[in-house]
Amino acid sequence: MVDLYYKTCREVIKAEAPNKLYLGSRLHNHYYPQDLGHQHWIVPIAAKYCDVISFNRYRFVPNDLIFHDLNIDKPIIIGEFHFGALDRGMLHTGLRSVQSQDQRGRVYYEYIKGALENPFIVGAHWFQYGEQAVTGRGDGENYQIGFLDVCDTPYQETIDACRKIAEQMYEIRLAPESINTK
């Protein structure tokens, strides 16, 4: 069934948009490759049809997100990650918590640096730009995970970390590989 899903989606997308990449579906296996859990079989199937393998990666580093012994040679995109702190803002940190906004900025910097150092990762997307409402979204989720708070005020520590890593990203990305991809 999963094979048919990815195959059918690829065929439809390539028929309608032949020059576009098929990213598949974001896989929620946050501890891949160490703990494949119940989804150990899905990555090779996705790799068979997707141009880029998409993961949600709610961990503190993405450095180990590589295809060790699976004989897969595909780029990876991180579709979601975030960190939250309770020293300002909402009442819940989200899926990865830190102690303060200062630490949040430092962890953001290190996460993106790790993604840049990983030759398989071609992008990483922060979830989400604006803070969630204190009353929660439709499912009640009210995390302190935005770049902006509910009053559209930037969390300056995270913004500063974004600027700092953006100024260094090409230098980091073009440096000799710093992780073992074998």
Protein backbone atom coordinates (compact mmCIF):
# COMPACT_ATOMS: atom_id res chain seq x y z
CA MET A 1 0.00 0.00 0.00
CA VAL A 2 2.80 2.46 0.89
CA ASP A 3 4.71 1.58 -2.27
CA LEU A 4 1.58 2.21 -4.34
CA TYR A 5 0.96 5.52 -2.54
CA TYR A 6 4.43 6.93 -3.26
CA LYS A 7 4.44 5.54 -6.81
CA THR A 8 1.02 7.01 -7.65
CA CYS A 9 1.83 10.41 -6.14
CA ARG A 10 5.11 10.56 -8.07
CA GLU A 11 3.42 9.66 -11.35
CA VAL A 12 0.71 12.30 -10.92
CA ILE A 13 3.15 15.03 -9.88
CA LYS A 14 5.61 14.25 -12.67
CA ALA A 15 2.78 14.18 -15.22
CA GLU A 16 1.49 17.62 -14.17
CA ALA A 17 4.80 19.22 -13.16
CA PRO A 18 7.58 17.21 -14.82
CA ASN A 19 10.37 19.62 -13.89
CA LYS A 20 9.53 19.83 -10.18
CA LEU A 21 10.94 17.78 -7.32
CA TYR A 22 8.74 15.25 -5.57
CA LEU A 23 9.37 15.56 -1.82
CA GLY A 24 7.01 12.80 -0.77
CA SER A 25 5.55 13.02 2.71
CA ARG A 26 7.36 14.21 5.82
CA LEU A 27 8.40 11.21 7.83
CA HIS A 28 7.91 11.59 11.59
CA ASN A 29 10.68 9.24 12.63
CA HIS A 30 12.58 11.74 14.82
CA TYR A 31 15.19 9.24 16.01
CA TYR A 32 16.08 7.83 12.61
CA PRO A 33 18.53 6.15 12.00
CA GLN A 34 19.26 5.05 15.61
CA ASP A 35 15.72 3.95 16.42
CA LEU A 36 13.85 2.88 13.34
CA GLY A 37 10.89 1.76 15.42
CA HIS A 38 7.77 0.73 13.56
CA GLN A 39 8.69 2.77 10.46
CA HIS A 40 12.00 1.09 9.61
CA TRP A 41 10.62 -0.10 6.28
CA ILE A 42 9.24 3.22 5.00
CA VAL A 43 12.48 5.08 4.25
CA PRO A 44 13.67 2.72 1.47
CA ILE A 45 10.20 2.80 -0.10
CA ALA A 46 10.10 6.61 0.00
CA ALA A 47 13.63 6.74 -1.43
CA LYS A 48 12.53 4.62 -4.39
CA TYR A 49 10.12 7.35 -5.57
CA CYS A 50 11.00 10.66 -3.91
CA ASP A 51 13.56 13.09 -5.28
CA VAL A 52 14.21 14.33 -1.73
CA ILE A 53 13.43 12.48 1.53
CA SER A 54 11.56 14.68 3.99
CA PHE A 55 11.81 14.27 7.76
CA ASN A 56 10.39 16.13 10.71
CA ARG A 57 13.39 16.20 13.03
CA TYR A 58 12.53 17.28 16.56
CA ARG A 59 15.94 16.67 18.10
CA PHE A 60 18.71 18.98 19.19
CA VAL A 61 21.01 18.13 16.27
CA PRO A 62 20.52 16.83 12.71
CA ASN A 63 24.13 15.72 12.19
CA ASP A 64 23.37 11.99 12.38
CA LEU A 65 20.53 12.11 9.85
CA ILE A 66 22.21 10.02 7.16
CA PHE A 67 21.41 6.79 5.33
CA HIS A 68 24.02 4.51 6.90
CA ASP A 69 23.68 0.99 5.49
CA LEU A 70 20.53 1.36 3.43
CA ASN A 71 22.29 1.99 0.10
CA ILE A 72 20.25 5.18 -0.40
CA ASP A 73 21.76 8.16 -2.20
CA LYS A 74 19.11 10.86 -1.85
CA PRO A 75 19.12 14.36 -0.39
CA ILE A 76 17.22 15.07 2.84
CA ILE A 77 15.09 18.04 3.82
CA ILE A 78 13.98 18.69 7.38
CA GLY A 79 10.35 19.76 7.15
CA GLU A 80 9.90 20.78 10.79
CA PHE A 81 11.93 21.52 13.90
CA HIS A 82 11.60 23.96 16.79
CA PHE A 83 12.67 24.78 20.33
CA GLY A 84 10.66 26.58 22.99
CA ALA A 85 11.40 28.21 26.34
CA LEU A 86 9.09 29.42 29.09
CA ASP A 87 10.96 32.53 30.26
CA ARG A 88 8.78 34.60 27.90
CA GLY A 89 5.72 33.85 25.85
CA MET A 90 3.43 30.84 25.89
CA LEU A 91 2.69 28.23 28.50
CA HIS A 92 4.20 25.24 26.70
CA THR A 93 7.65 24.75 25.16
CA GLY A 94 6.65 22.51 22.29
CA LEU A 95 8.39 19.28 21.38
CA ARG A 96 11.93 20.37 22.31
CA SER A 97 12.40 22.60 25.32
CA VAL A 98 15.29 24.77 26.43
CA GLN A 99 15.74 26.86 29.58
CA SER A 100 15.73 30.39 28.15
CA GLN A 101 15.50 32.50 25.02
CA ASP A 102 19.29 32.87 25.09
CA GLN A 103 19.69 29.10 25.02
CA ARG A 104 17.01 28.87 22.34
CA GLY A 105 19.08 31.12 20.07
CA ARG A 106 22.25 29.10 20.72
CA VAL A 107 20.49 25.78 20.05
CA TYR A 108 18.96 27.15 16.84
CA TYR A 109 22.43 28.20 15.67
CA GLU A 110 23.92 24.76 16.44
CA TYR A 111 21.02 22.95 14.76
CA ILE A 112 21.39 24.86 11.50
CA LYS A 113 25.18 24.55 11.70
CA GLY A 114 24.74 20.78 12.02
CA ALA A 115 22.42 20.74 9.00
CA LEU A 116 24.95 22.72 6.99
CA GLU A 117 27.72 20.31 7.96
CA ASN A 118 25.66 17.30 6.90
CA PRO A 119 26.18 16.81 3.13
CA PHE A 120 22.85 14.95 2.78
CA ILE A 121 20.70 17.80 4.17
CA VAL A 122 19.61 20.36 1.60
CA GLY A 123 17.30 22.39 3.84
CA ALA A 124 15.78 22.78 7.29
CA HIS A 125 12.45 24.48 8.00
CA TRP A 126 11.61 26.03 11.37
CA PHE A 127 8.08 25.36 12.62
CA GLN A 128 6.63 28.06 12.85
CA TYR A 129 7.05 31.79 12.08
CA GLY A 130 4.42 33.26 14.43
CA GLU A 131 3.58 32.18 17.95
CA GLN A 132 0.51 30.02 18.51
CA ALA A 133 -2.40 31.65 20.32
CA VAL A 134 -2.57 31.17 24.09
CA THR A 135 -6.03 29.65 23.60
CA GLY A 136 -4.48 27.15 21.18
CA ARG A 137 -4.97 26.32 17.56
CA GLY A 138 -7.74 23.96 16.45
CA ASP A 139 -6.25 20.99 18.30
CA GLY A 140 -5.40 23.05 21.41
CA GLU A 141 -1.67 23.25 20.74
CA ASN A 142 -0.29 26.52 22.17
CA TYR A 143 3.48 26.26 21.95
CA GLN A 144 6.11 28.96 22.42
CA ILE A 145 7.82 28.14 19.14
CA GLY A 146 7.51 31.18 16.89
CA PHE A 147 10.12 33.62 15.71
CA LEU A 148 7.52 36.22 16.75
CA ASP A 149 5.35 36.27 19.87
CA VAL A 150 1.56 36.75 19.81
CA CYS A 151 2.08 40.54 19.57
CA ASP A 152 4.37 40.10 16.53
CA THR A 153 7.43 41.04 18.59
CA PRO A 154 10.52 39.09 17.52
CA TYR A 155 12.30 36.79 19.92
CA GLN A 156 15.50 38.73 19.36
CA GLU A 157 17.83 36.00 20.60
CA THR A 158 16.57 33.59 17.93
CA ILE A 159 16.57 36.29 15.25
CA ASP A 160 20.19 37.15 16.12
CA ALA A 161 21.14 33.46 15.88
CA CYS A 162 19.45 33.28 12.44
CA ARG A 163 21.45 36.24 11.23
CA LYS A 164 24.70 34.89 12.65
CA ILE A 165 24.37 31.47 11.01
CA ALA A 166 23.14 33.02 7.74
CA GLU A 167 26.33 35.08 7.55
CA GLN A 168 28.40 31.89 7.91
CA MET A 169 26.31 29.38 5.99
CA TYR A 170 28.29 29.26 2.74
CA GLU A 171 31.61 29.00 4.57
CA ILE A 172 30.26 26.14 6.71
CA ARG A 173 28.57 24.33 3.83
CA LEU A 174 31.60 24.50 1.56
CA ALA A 175 34.06 23.35 4.22
CA PRO A 176 35.40 19.79 3.88
CA GLU A 177 32.92 17.21 5.10
CA SER A 178 32.96 17.02 8.88
CA ILE A 179 30.79 13.94 9.35
CA ASN A 180 31.37 10.38 8.31
CA THR A 181 28.91 9.54 5.53
CA LYS A 182 30.09 5.98 4.99
